[in-house]
Amino acid sequence: MLTLNEGMETLGIWLRRTREARNLTPEQVEAATRIKPRLLEILEAGNFSALPGGDMQARGFLRIYARYLGLPADEVMARYEAEVHGLRYVPPARTPPAQSAGALPGSTTAHISPSPAPAPVPLEGPRRRWGTLETLLVGGLALAVLVAVLAGVSYLITRSASATDGSATVAATPTPDVTQAVAAEAAQVEPTATLPVLQSTGEGVTLTLEATEHVWVQVTTDDEVAFRGLLAPQQALTWSADQRIAVETGNGAGLQAIVNGQVIGALGERGQVTRRAWGPRGELPVAAGGP
């Protein structure tokens, strides 16, 4: 469990005091991060379980808020894990500097004891050669990124070719027998399931995406492309629109979504081309091949 030194702040208090030290109002935070003031109040109170999106939304909002305040995201997430999930919190090793006039009130630097110095390394002994583990790691990461880029390019080329072929194809007039058979089968098809309706906020629609692996994605807000490119694992981004937000990706399992504070989860199956859209009142139908 997290053990606080005497006078050490909780994560929520640290966030609030940092914001106040920068003279930032909740409205200014909302304009820059799309985190609504009522959700910001929950974060700064440390009441993370009260967020409508639960643990996933808390992690996404904390990363976004930490970057906006200029705080180290890894330390923010480590303290969250300690406070919420009971994991052991190891403060980053650092030498406490002298308190300067511009230091932020409530900074935890003065309360965190530096880690003990590492044991001295023997001067004699075999030297470790560069080129084995490091090369494999760097090469593996480069290969993963290259595969993701090639998959995105291949998907775009395939989609463009399909659209061209479809526009040039002329459907043949079916014979009476075929027409009757198609009509009979159509009569047996069950009606399409109704798309889920989300709780309306009356303030447009907000979407948060968190990548669980390297994945290509395109986001359209009110018929304008707001983002197109690769997301890295654990990278979370948020967009807002008045009428409609649409997402298109070549790997539905690589993205977790939160819409208007409600967890949607993975957008599809692994390797599945996925297109989904939402409005203020819930999910919207998406035409085949459309954004």
Protein backbone atom coordinates (compact mmCIF):
# COMPACT_ATOMS: atom_id res chain seq x y z
CA MET A 1 0.00 0.00 0.00
CA LEU A 2 1.02 3.62 -0.49
CA THR A 3 2.85 4.92 2.59
CA LEU A 4 2.76 8.70 2.82
CA ASN A 5 5.60 10.50 4.50
CA GLU A 6 4.61 13.09 7.03
CA GLY A 7 3.03 16.02 5.18
CA MET A 8 2.93 14.22 1.81
CA GLU A 9 -0.14 14.99 -0.29
CA THR A 10 -2.56 12.61 -1.94
CA LEU A 11 -2.67 12.53 -5.75
CA GLY A 12 -5.88 14.56 -5.94
CA ILE A 13 -4.54 17.33 -3.68
CA TRP A 14 -1.29 17.42 -5.67
CA LEU A 15 -3.24 17.96 -8.91
CA ARG A 16 -5.47 20.67 -7.42
CA ARG A 17 -2.62 22.60 -5.79
CA THR A 18 -0.59 22.45 -9.00
CA ARG A 19 -3.52 23.87 -10.99
CA GLU A 20 -4.12 26.62 -8.42
CA ALA A 21 -0.40 27.50 -8.39
CA ARG A 22 -0.66 28.12 -12.14
CA ASN A 23 -3.78 30.28 -11.64
CA LEU A 24 -5.86 27.99 -13.88
CA THR A 25 -9.63 27.79 -13.53
CA PRO A 26 -11.67 24.60 -14.17
CA GLU A 27 -13.13 26.32 -17.24
CA GLN A 28 -9.64 26.90 -18.69
CA VAL A 29 -8.78 23.24 -18.05
CA GLU A 30 -11.97 22.15 -19.83
CA ALA A 31 -11.20 24.33 -22.87
CA ALA A 32 -7.74 22.74 -23.25
CA THR A 33 -8.41 19.10 -22.23
CA ARG A 34 -12.20 18.58 -22.73
CA ILE A 35 -12.43 17.38 -19.11
CA LYS A 36 -15.68 18.85 -17.73
CA PRO A 37 -15.48 20.75 -14.41
CA ARG A 38 -17.63 18.17 -12.56
CA LEU A 39 -15.25 15.38 -13.64
CA LEU A 40 -12.24 17.55 -12.82
CA GLU A 41 -13.64 18.01 -9.31
CA ILE A 42 -13.83 14.21 -8.92
CA LEU A 43 -10.19 13.84 -10.04
CA GLU A 44 -8.93 16.51 -7.65
CA ALA A 45 -10.94 14.97 -4.79
CA GLY A 46 -9.25 11.63 -5.43
CA ASN A 47 -12.65 9.96 -5.73
CA PHE A 48 -11.67 8.05 -8.89
CA SER A 49 -14.28 5.31 -8.48
CA ALA A 50 -17.03 7.94 -8.95
CA LEU A 51 -16.05 8.56 -12.59
CA PRO A 52 -18.73 7.15 -14.93
CA GLY A 53 -16.07 5.43 -17.06
CA GLY A 54 -14.37 3.77 -14.07
CA ASP A 55 -10.69 2.79 -14.06
CA MET A 56 -10.18 3.23 -17.82
CA GLN A 57 -11.54 6.78 -17.82
CA ALA A 58 -9.51 7.67 -14.71
CA ARG A 59 -6.28 6.54 -16.38
CA GLY A 60 -7.02 8.43 -19.60
CA PHE A 61 -8.00 11.65 -17.81
CA LEU A 62 -4.97 11.49 -15.47
CA ARG A 63 -2.54 11.18 -18.39
CA ILE A 64 -4.19 14.08 -20.23
CA TYR A 65 -4.34 16.26 -17.08
CA ALA A 66 -0.73 15.48 -16.08
CA ARG A 67 0.59 16.51 -19.52
CA TYR A 68 -1.48 19.73 -19.38
CA LEU A 69 -0.14 20.66 -15.91
CA GLY A 70 3.44 19.75 -16.84
CA LEU A 71 3.65 16.96 -14.26
CA PRO A 72 5.55 13.68 -14.90
CA ALA A 73 2.90 11.29 -16.18
CA ASP A 74 4.77 8.19 -14.96
CA GLU A 75 4.82 9.50 -11.38
CA VAL A 76 1.12 10.48 -11.54
CA MET A 77 0.18 6.97 -12.75
CA ALA A 78 2.43 5.30 -10.14
CA ARG A 79 0.69 7.21 -7.34
CA TYR A 80 -2.70 6.33 -8.82
CA GLU A 81 -1.81 2.64 -8.83
CA ALA A 82 -0.65 2.91 -5.22
CA GLU A 83 -3.72 4.77 -3.94
CA VAL A 84 -6.37 2.83 -5.89
CA HIS A 85 -4.92 -0.65 -6.47
CA GLY A 86 -2.60 -0.93 -3.50
CA LEU A 87 0.57 -1.37 -5.53
CA ARG A 88 3.86 -0.40 -3.91
CA TYR A 89 4.82 3.21 -4.70
CA VAL A 90 8.54 3.79 -5.28
CA PRO A 91 9.30 7.54 -5.47
CA PRO A 92 11.67 8.51 -8.31
CA ALA A 93 15.27 8.92 -7.17
CA ARG A 94 16.15 12.58 -6.99
CA THR A 95 18.12 14.98 -4.79
CA PRO A 96 15.76 17.50 -3.19
CA PRO A 97 16.79 20.94 -4.53
CA ALA A 98 16.70 24.07 -2.41
CA GLN A 99 13.21 25.57 -2.31
CA SER A 100 13.15 28.40 -4.84
CA ALA A 101 10.86 31.39 -4.92
CA GLY A 102 9.03 29.98 -7.95
CA ALA A 103 8.48 26.50 -6.47
CA LEU A 104 4.92 25.26 -6.62
CA PRO A 105 3.07 25.08 -3.30
CA GLY A 106 2.41 21.49 -2.29
CA SER A 107 5.26 20.00 -4.39
CA THR A 108 6.11 16.53 -3.09
CA THR A 109 9.81 16.86 -3.92
CA ALA A 110 10.73 17.99 -0.43
CA HIS A 111 8.88 15.05 1.17
CA ILE A 112 10.24 12.18 -0.95
CA SER A 113 13.47 10.64 0.28
CA PRO A 114 15.99 9.90 -2.47
CA SER A 115 16.61 6.26 -3.26
CA PRO A 116 19.82 4.80 -1.75
CA ALA A 117 22.87 5.00 -3.96
CA PRO A 118 23.46 1.88 -6.06
CA ALA A 119 26.19 -0.54 -5.03
CA PRO A 120 29.56 0.21 -6.64
CA VAL A 121 30.28 -1.70 -9.84
CA PRO A 122 33.52 -3.76 -9.85
CA LEU A 123 36.19 -2.28 -12.09
CA GLU A 124 37.40 -5.69 -13.33
CA GLY A 125 35.38 -8.32 -15.11
CA PRO A 126 34.02 -9.04 -18.56
CA ARG A 127 32.65 -6.04 -20.37
CA ARG A 128 29.13 -6.19 -21.72
CA ARG A 129 29.08 -5.77 -25.48
CA TRP A 130 26.49 -3.64 -27.29
CA GLY A 131 24.65 -5.28 -30.09
CA THR A 132 22.71 -8.22 -28.61
CA LEU A 133 19.70 -7.37 -26.45
CA GLU A 134 19.59 -3.68 -27.40
CA THR A 135 19.71 -4.46 -31.11
CA LEU A 136 16.89 -7.00 -30.80
CA LEU A 137 14.70 -4.59 -28.83
CA VAL A 138 15.25 -1.67 -31.20
CA GLY A 139 14.83 -3.90 -34.25
CA GLY A 140 11.62 -5.42 -32.86
CA LEU A 141 10.10 -2.01 -32.12
CA ALA A 142 11.03 -0.71 -35.58
CA LEU A 143 9.52 -3.82 -37.18
CA ALA A 144 6.26 -3.41 -35.22
CA VAL A 145 5.93 0.22 -36.31
CA LEU A 146 6.72 -0.70 -39.93
CA VAL A 147 4.08 -3.45 -39.93
CA ALA A 148 1.47 -1.05 -38.52
CA VAL A 149 2.30 1.58 -41.18
CA LEU A 150 2.18 -0.99 -44.00
CA ALA A 151 -1.16 -2.30 -42.69
CA GLY A 152 -2.62 1.22 -42.71
CA VAL A 153 -1.33 1.94 -46.24
CA SER A 154 -2.60 -1.42 -47.51
CA TYR A 155 -6.01 -0.78 -46.00
CA LEU A 156 -6.26 2.66 -47.67
CA ILE A 157 -5.22 1.23 -51.07
CA THR A 158 -7.75 -1.62 -50.76
CA ARG A 159 -10.54 0.74 -49.79
CA SER A 160 -9.76 3.05 -52.74
CA ALA A 161 -9.69 0.11 -55.19
CA SER A 162 -13.00 -1.24 -53.84
CA ALA A 163 -14.67 2.13 -54.29
CA THR A 164 -13.39 2.35 -57.89
CA ASP A 165 -14.55 -1.18 -58.76
CA GLY A 166 -17.95 -0.60 -57.17
CA SER A 167 -18.56 2.58 -59.18
CA ALA A 168 -17.73 0.84 -62.46
CA THR A 169 -19.86 -2.30 -61.89
CA VAL A 170 -23.29 -2.52 -63.47
CA ALA A 171 -25.72 -4.94 -61.79
CA ALA A 172 -27.47 -7.40 -64.09
CA THR A 173 -31.27 -7.54 -64.09
CA PRO A 174 -32.26 -10.66 -62.12
CA THR A 175 -34.59 -13.21 -63.67
CA PRO A 176 -38.09 -13.59 -62.18
CA ASP A 177 -37.06 -16.80 -60.39
CA VAL A 178 -34.04 -15.18 -58.75
CA THR A 179 -36.11 -12.14 -57.75
CA GLN A 180 -38.70 -14.34 -56.02
CA ALA A 181 -36.01 -16.33 -54.20
CA VAL A 182 -34.31 -13.14 -52.95
CA ALA A 183 -37.63 -11.73 -51.79
CA ALA A 184 -38.42 -14.96 -49.90
CA GLU A 185 -35.05 -14.91 -48.12
CA ALA A 186 -35.41 -11.22 -47.30
CA ALA A 187 -38.74 -11.92 -45.61
CA GLN A 188 -37.02 -14.36 -43.22
CA VAL A 189 -34.24 -11.98 -42.16
CA GLU A 190 -34.62 -10.70 -38.62
CA PRO A 191 -34.92 -6.93 -38.20
CA THR A 192 -31.67 -5.05 -37.59
CA ALA A 193 -30.87 -4.53 -33.91
CA THR A 194 -31.44 -1.01 -32.62
CA LEU A 195 -28.25 0.92 -31.93
CA PRO A 196 -27.66 1.67 -28.21
CA VAL A 197 -28.79 5.06 -26.92
CA LEU A 198 -26.39 6.86 -24.58
CA GLN A 199 -27.29 9.30 -21.87
CA SER A 200 -27.65 12.68 -23.58
CA THR A 201 -25.54 15.48 -22.13
CA GLY A 202 -27.20 18.20 -24.20
CA GLU A 203 -23.71 19.52 -24.97
CA GLY A 204 -22.70 17.63 -28.10
CA VAL A 205 -20.65 14.45 -28.01
CA THR A 206 -17.21 13.72 -26.49
CA LEU A 207 -15.02 10.74 -27.43
CA THR A 208 -11.91 9.43 -25.67
CA LEU A 209 -9.77 6.77 -27.40
CA GLU A 210 -6.99 4.81 -25.68
CA ALA A 211 -4.72 2.58 -27.76
CA THR A 212 -3.78 -0.85 -26.39
CA GLU A 213 -1.25 -1.45 -29.19
CA HIS A 214 0.20 0.38 -32.20
CA VAL A 215 -2.87 1.13 -34.32
CA TRP A 216 -3.80 3.38 -37.24
CA VAL A 217 -6.94 5.51 -36.72
CA GLN A 218 -8.87 8.36 -38.35
CA VAL A 219 -11.26 10.54 -36.33
CA THR A 220 -13.81 12.85 -38.00
CA THR A 221 -15.66 15.54 -36.01
CA ASP A 222 -18.71 17.13 -37.67
CA ASP A 223 -17.53 15.89 -41.10
CA GLU A 224 -13.99 17.31 -40.69
CA VAL A 225 -10.91 15.11 -40.22
CA ALA A 226 -9.60 15.91 -36.72
CA PHE A 227 -6.91 13.21 -36.54
CA ARG A 228 -5.29 10.68 -38.88
CA GLY A 229 -2.24 8.63 -37.95
CA LEU A 230 -0.76 6.05 -35.57
CA LEU A 231 -1.48 5.81 -31.83
CA ALA A 232 1.03 4.16 -29.49
CA PRO A 233 0.08 1.77 -26.65
CA GLN A 234 -1.48 3.59 -23.64
CA GLN A 235 -1.77 6.83 -25.64
CA ALA A 236 -5.15 8.48 -24.93
CA LEU A 237 -6.74 11.36 -26.88
CA THR A 238 -10.08 13.17 -26.54
CA TRP A 239 -12.25 14.95 -29.13
CA SER A 240 -15.59 16.80 -29.00
CA ALA A 241 -18.17 17.64 -31.66
CA ASP A 242 -21.61 19.25 -31.86
CA GLN A 243 -23.39 16.63 -33.96
CA ARG A 244 -21.21 13.62 -34.88
CA ILE A 245 -17.86 11.92 -34.20
CA ALA A 246 -16.77 9.05 -36.45
CA VAL A 247 -13.87 6.61 -35.98
CA GLU A 248 -12.24 4.45 -38.65
CA THR A 249 -9.45 1.94 -37.94
CA GLY A 250 -7.94 -1.19 -39.45
CA ASN A 251 -7.75 -2.99 -36.06
CA GLY A 252 -10.87 -2.61 -33.89
CA ALA A 253 -9.34 -4.52 -30.96
CA GLY A 254 -6.51 -2.00 -30.66
CA LEU A 255 -8.73 0.86 -29.43
CA GLN A 256 -10.80 1.30 -26.24
CA ALA A 257 -13.49 4.03 -26.39
CA ILE A 258 -15.40 6.22 -23.91
CA VAL A 259 -18.35 8.23 -25.30
CA ASN A 260 -19.99 10.95 -23.18
CA GLY A 261 -18.46 9.41 -20.06
CA GLN A 262 -19.71 5.87 -20.80
CA VAL A 263 -17.28 3.03 -21.51
CA ILE A 264 -17.81 1.46 -24.94
CA GLY A 265 -14.79 -0.86 -24.74
CA ALA A 266 -12.97 -2.31 -27.75
CA LEU A 267 -14.29 -1.07 -31.09
CA GLY A 268 -14.07 -4.46 -32.81
CA GLU A 269 -12.13 -7.68 -33.30
CA ARG A 270 -8.38 -8.01 -33.86
CA GLY A 271 -7.47 -7.09 -37.44
CA GLN A 272 -11.09 -6.07 -38.17
CA VAL A 273 -11.69 -2.94 -40.25
CA THR A 274 -14.04 -0.93 -38.04
CA ARG A 275 -16.12 2.19 -38.71
CA ARG A 276 -18.32 3.59 -35.90
CA ALA A 277 -19.93 6.96 -35.18
CA TRP A 278 -21.75 8.64 -32.28
CA GLY A 279 -23.97 11.68 -31.73
CA PRO A 280 -25.28 13.40 -28.59
CA ARG A 281 -27.94 10.68 -28.07
CA GLY A 282 -25.95 7.56 -28.92
CA GLU A 283 -24.40 5.53 -31.71
CA LEU A 284 -25.21 6.43 -35.31
CA PRO A 285 -25.38 4.15 -38.37
CA VAL A 286 -22.36 4.26 -40.69
CA ALA A 287 -22.70 3.55 -44.40
CA ALA A 288 -20.43 0.83 -45.83
CA GLY A 289 -17.17 2.39 -47.00
CA GLY A 290 -18.07 5.75 -45.43
CA PRO A 291 -16.43 7.62 -42.52
